[in-house]
Amino acid sequence: MSNTSDFYLTQADKCAVDAAASSLSQVRDRNLRAEQAWRTMAERLIQTEATRARQVAVAAAKAEANADAAAMQIDGLER
């Protein structure tokens, strides 16, 4: 998790605490909505980071395969 997703989750936790401590229903509801929004942002960011990491891994694997194929082709030409 990145610092940003950690920040989002920390904010969500604060909103949950504030909601639990509130005696006013409007304030409690507002904090609960804010908590859900922060958690949604964190989940989306975590998913985006995971997708990006998978894409980088696939690109690295393709680059390695291409390098291996090029090396084999050069090796075949030298014989």
N, C-alpha and C. Protein backbone atom coordinates (compact mmCIF):
# COMPACT_ATOMS: atom_id res chain seq x y z
N MET A 1 0.83 -1.18 0.00
CA MET A 1 0.00 0.00 0.00
C MET A 1 0.88 1.25 0.00
N SER A 2 0.43 2.22 -0.72
CA SER A 2 1.19 3.46 -0.76
C SER A 2 0.83 4.35 0.42
N ASN A 3 1.60 5.42 0.56
CA ASN A 3 1.30 6.39 1.62
C ASN A 3 -0.07 7.00 1.42
N THR A 4 -0.46 7.19 0.16
CA THR A 4 -1.74 7.82 -0.12
C THR A 4 -2.89 6.91 0.32
N SER A 5 -2.81 5.62 0.00
CA SER A 5 -3.88 4.72 0.43
C SER A 5 -3.90 4.59 1.95
N ASP A 6 -2.73 4.61 2.56
CA ASP A 6 -2.67 4.61 4.03
C ASP A 6 -3.35 5.86 4.59
N PHE A 7 -3.10 7.00 3.95
CA PHE A 7 -3.74 8.25 4.37
C PHE A 7 -5.25 8.14 4.25
N TYR A 8 -5.73 7.62 3.12
CA TYR A 8 -7.17 7.46 2.91
C TYR A 8 -7.79 6.58 4.00
N LEU A 9 -7.13 5.48 4.30
CA LEU A 9 -7.65 4.57 5.32
C LEU A 9 -7.62 5.20 6.71
N THR A 10 -6.59 5.99 6.99
CA THR A 10 -6.52 6.71 8.26
C THR A 10 -7.67 7.70 8.38
N GLN A 11 -7.94 8.42 7.29
CA GLN A 11 -9.05 9.37 7.30
C GLN A 11 -10.38 8.64 7.51
N ALA A 12 -10.54 7.48 6.87
CA ALA A 12 -11.77 6.70 7.04
C ALA A 12 -11.94 6.28 8.49
N ASP A 13 -10.85 5.85 9.10
CA ASP A 13 -10.91 5.44 10.52
C ASP A 13 -11.30 6.62 11.41
N LYS A 14 -10.75 7.79 11.12
CA LYS A 14 -11.10 8.98 11.90
C LYS A 14 -12.59 9.31 11.76
N CYS A 15 -13.09 9.19 10.54
CA CYS A 15 -14.51 9.46 10.32
C CYS A 15 -15.38 8.46 11.07
N ALA A 16 -14.96 7.20 11.11
CA ALA A 16 -15.72 6.18 11.84
C ALA A 16 -15.74 6.50 13.33
N VAL A 17 -14.62 6.92 13.87
CA VAL A 17 -14.56 7.28 15.29
C VAL A 17 -15.45 8.49 15.56
N ASP A 18 -15.37 9.49 14.68
CA ASP A 18 -16.20 10.68 14.85
C ASP A 18 -17.68 10.33 14.76
N ALA A 19 -18.03 9.43 13.85
CA ALA A 19 -19.43 9.02 13.72
C ALA A 19 -19.91 8.33 14.99
N ALA A 20 -19.09 7.46 15.52
CA ALA A 20 -19.47 6.73 16.73
C ALA A 20 -19.61 7.67 17.93
N ALA A 21 -18.83 8.74 17.94
CA ALA A 21 -18.84 9.66 19.07
C ALA A 21 -19.94 10.71 18.96
N SER A 22 -20.56 10.82 17.81
CA SER A 22 -21.54 11.88 17.61
C SER A 22 -22.91 11.50 18.15
N SER A 23 -23.53 12.47 18.81
CA SER A 23 -24.89 12.25 19.30
C SER A 23 -25.91 12.82 18.32
N LEU A 24 -25.45 13.58 17.35
CA LEU A 24 -26.35 14.18 16.36
C LEU A 24 -26.43 13.28 15.12
N SER A 25 -27.63 12.92 14.72
CA SER A 25 -27.78 11.97 13.62
C SER A 25 -27.23 12.52 12.30
N GLN A 26 -27.40 13.82 12.03
CA GLN A 26 -26.89 14.38 10.77
C GLN A 26 -25.36 14.32 10.74
N VAL A 27 -24.74 14.63 11.85
CA VAL A 27 -23.28 14.60 11.93
C VAL A 27 -22.78 13.16 11.80
N ARG A 28 -23.46 12.25 12.47
CA ARG A 28 -23.09 10.84 12.40
C ARG A 28 -23.21 10.34 10.94
N ASP A 29 -24.32 10.67 10.29
CA ASP A 29 -24.53 10.25 8.90
C ASP A 29 -23.48 10.85 7.96
N ARG A 30 -23.16 12.13 8.19
CA ARG A 30 -22.14 12.78 7.37
C ARG A 30 -20.80 12.08 7.52
N ASN A 31 -20.44 11.75 8.76
CA ASN A 31 -19.17 11.06 8.99
C ASN A 31 -19.16 9.65 8.41
N LEU A 32 -20.30 8.98 8.48
CA LEU A 32 -20.37 7.64 7.89
C LEU A 32 -20.24 7.70 6.36
N ARG A 33 -20.86 8.71 5.74
CA ARG A 33 -20.71 8.88 4.29
C ARG A 33 -19.26 9.21 3.94
N ALA A 34 -18.65 10.06 4.73
CA ALA A 34 -17.25 10.41 4.49
C ALA A 34 -16.35 9.20 4.67
N GLU A 35 -16.63 8.39 5.68
CA GLU A 35 -15.84 7.17 5.88
C GLU A 35 -15.92 6.28 4.65
N GLN A 36 -17.13 6.08 4.14
CA GLN A 36 -17.30 5.23 2.97
C GLN A 36 -16.56 5.80 1.76
N ALA A 37 -16.62 7.11 1.60
CA ALA A 37 -15.91 7.74 0.48
C ALA A 37 -14.41 7.53 0.59
N TRP A 38 -13.84 7.72 1.77
CA TRP A 38 -12.41 7.51 1.97
C TRP A 38 -12.02 6.05 1.69
N ARG A 39 -12.85 5.12 2.17
CA ARG A 39 -12.55 3.70 1.94
C ARG A 39 -12.63 3.35 0.45
N THR A 40 -13.60 3.92 -0.24
CA THR A 40 -13.73 3.68 -1.67
C THR A 40 -12.51 4.20 -2.42
N MET A 41 -12.05 5.40 -2.05
CA MET A 41 -10.85 5.96 -2.70
C MET A 41 -9.65 5.07 -2.43
N ALA A 42 -9.50 4.58 -1.22
CA ALA A 42 -8.37 3.71 -0.88
C ALA A 42 -8.44 2.42 -1.67
N GLU A 43 -9.62 1.81 -1.76
CA GLU A 43 -9.77 0.55 -2.49
C GLU A 43 -9.44 0.74 -3.97
N ARG A 44 -9.92 1.82 -4.55
CA ARG A 44 -9.64 2.09 -5.96
C ARG A 44 -8.15 2.29 -6.20
N LEU A 45 -7.51 3.02 -5.30
CA LEU A 45 -6.08 3.25 -5.45
C LEU A 45 -5.30 1.95 -5.30
N ILE A 46 -5.67 1.14 -4.35
CA ILE A 46 -4.99 -0.14 -4.15
C ILE A 46 -5.15 -1.02 -5.39
N GLN A 47 -6.36 -1.05 -5.95
CA GLN A 47 -6.60 -1.83 -7.17
C GLN A 47 -5.78 -1.29 -8.33
N THR A 48 -5.71 0.03 -8.45
CA THR A 48 -4.93 0.65 -9.52
C THR A 48 -3.45 0.30 -9.38
N GLU A 49 -2.94 0.35 -8.17
CA GLU A 49 -1.53 0.02 -7.94
C GLU A 49 -1.25 -1.45 -8.26
N ALA A 50 -2.18 -2.32 -7.92
CA ALA A 50 -2.00 -3.75 -8.21
C ALA A 50 -2.03 -3.99 -9.71
N THR A 51 -2.94 -3.34 -10.41
CA THR A 51 -3.01 -3.47 -11.87
C THR A 51 -1.74 -2.95 -12.51
N ARG A 52 -1.27 -1.82 -12.05
CA ARG A 52 -0.04 -1.24 -12.59
C ARG A 52 1.14 -2.18 -12.36
N ALA A 53 1.22 -2.78 -11.19
CA ALA A 53 2.31 -3.71 -10.89
C ALA A 53 2.25 -4.93 -11.80
N ARG A 54 1.03 -5.45 -12.06
CA ARG A 54 0.90 -6.58 -12.99
C ARG A 54 1.33 -6.19 -14.39
N GLN A 55 0.94 -4.99 -14.83
CA GLN A 55 1.31 -4.53 -16.16
C GLN A 55 2.82 -4.38 -16.30
N VAL A 56 3.47 -3.88 -15.27
CA VAL A 56 4.93 -3.73 -15.29
C VAL A 56 5.58 -5.10 -15.35
N ALA A 57 5.06 -6.06 -14.60
CA ALA A 57 5.62 -7.42 -14.61
C ALA A 57 5.47 -8.06 -15.98
N VAL A 58 4.31 -7.87 -16.61
CA VAL A 58 4.10 -8.43 -17.96
C VAL A 58 5.04 -7.77 -18.95
N ALA A 59 5.20 -6.47 -18.87
CA ALA A 59 6.10 -5.77 -19.78
C ALA A 59 7.54 -6.23 -19.58
N ALA A 60 7.95 -6.45 -18.34
CA ALA A 60 9.31 -6.93 -18.07
C ALA A 60 9.50 -8.33 -18.62
N ALA A 61 8.49 -9.18 -18.47
CA ALA A 61 8.59 -10.55 -19.00
C ALA A 61 8.68 -10.53 -20.52
N LYS A 62 7.91 -9.66 -21.17
CA LYS A 62 7.97 -9.55 -22.64
C LYS A 62 9.34 -9.05 -23.08
N ALA A 63 9.86 -8.06 -22.37
CA ALA A 63 11.17 -7.52 -22.71
C ALA A 63 12.25 -8.59 -22.56
N GLU A 64 12.15 -9.38 -21.52
CA GLU A 64 13.12 -10.46 -21.31
C GLU A 64 13.00 -11.51 -22.40
N ALA A 65 11.78 -11.85 -22.78
CA ALA A 65 11.57 -12.83 -23.85
C ALA A 65 12.12 -12.30 -25.17
N ASN A 66 11.90 -11.03 -25.44
CA ASN A 66 12.43 -10.43 -26.66
C ASN A 66 13.95 -10.41 -26.65
N ALA A 67 14.54 -10.12 -25.50
CA ALA A 67 16.00 -10.11 -25.39
C ALA A 67 16.55 -11.52 -25.60
N ASP A 68 15.88 -12.53 -25.04
CA ASP A 68 16.31 -13.91 -25.22
C ASP A 68 16.20 -14.32 -26.69
N ALA A 69 15.11 -13.93 -27.34
CA ALA A 69 14.93 -14.27 -28.75
C ALA A 69 15.99 -13.59 -29.61
N ALA A 70 16.31 -12.35 -29.29
CA ALA A 70 17.34 -11.63 -30.05
C ALA A 70 18.70 -12.28 -29.84
N ALA A 71 18.97 -12.69 -28.61
CA ALA A 71 20.25 -13.35 -28.32
C ALA A 71 20.35 -14.67 -29.07
N MET A 72 19.27 -15.42 -29.14
CA MET A 72 19.27 -16.68 -29.87
C MET A 72 19.47 -16.45 -31.36
N GLN A 73 18.86 -15.39 -31.87
CA GLN A 73 18.99 -15.07 -33.29
C GLN A 73 20.43 -14.67 -33.61
N ILE A 74 21.02 -13.88 -32.76
CA ILE A 74 22.43 -13.47 -32.97
C ILE A 74 23.33 -14.69 -32.85
N ASP A 75 23.05 -15.56 -31.88
CA ASP A 75 23.84 -16.78 -31.70
C ASP A 75 23.73 -17.65 -32.95
N GLY A 76 22.57 -17.73 -33.57
CA GLY A 76 22.39 -18.52 -34.78
C GLY A 76 23.12 -17.94 -35.95
N LEU A 77 23.26 -16.66 -36.03
CA LEU A 77 23.96 -16.00 -37.13
C LEU A 77 25.48 -16.19 -37.00
N GLU A 78 25.98 -16.32 -35.80
CA GLU A 78 27.41 -16.46 -35.57
C GLU A 78 27.90 -17.84 -35.93
N ARG A 79 27.04 -18.80 -36.04
CA ARG A 79 27.48 -20.17 -36.32
C ARG A 79 27.71 -20.39 -37.76
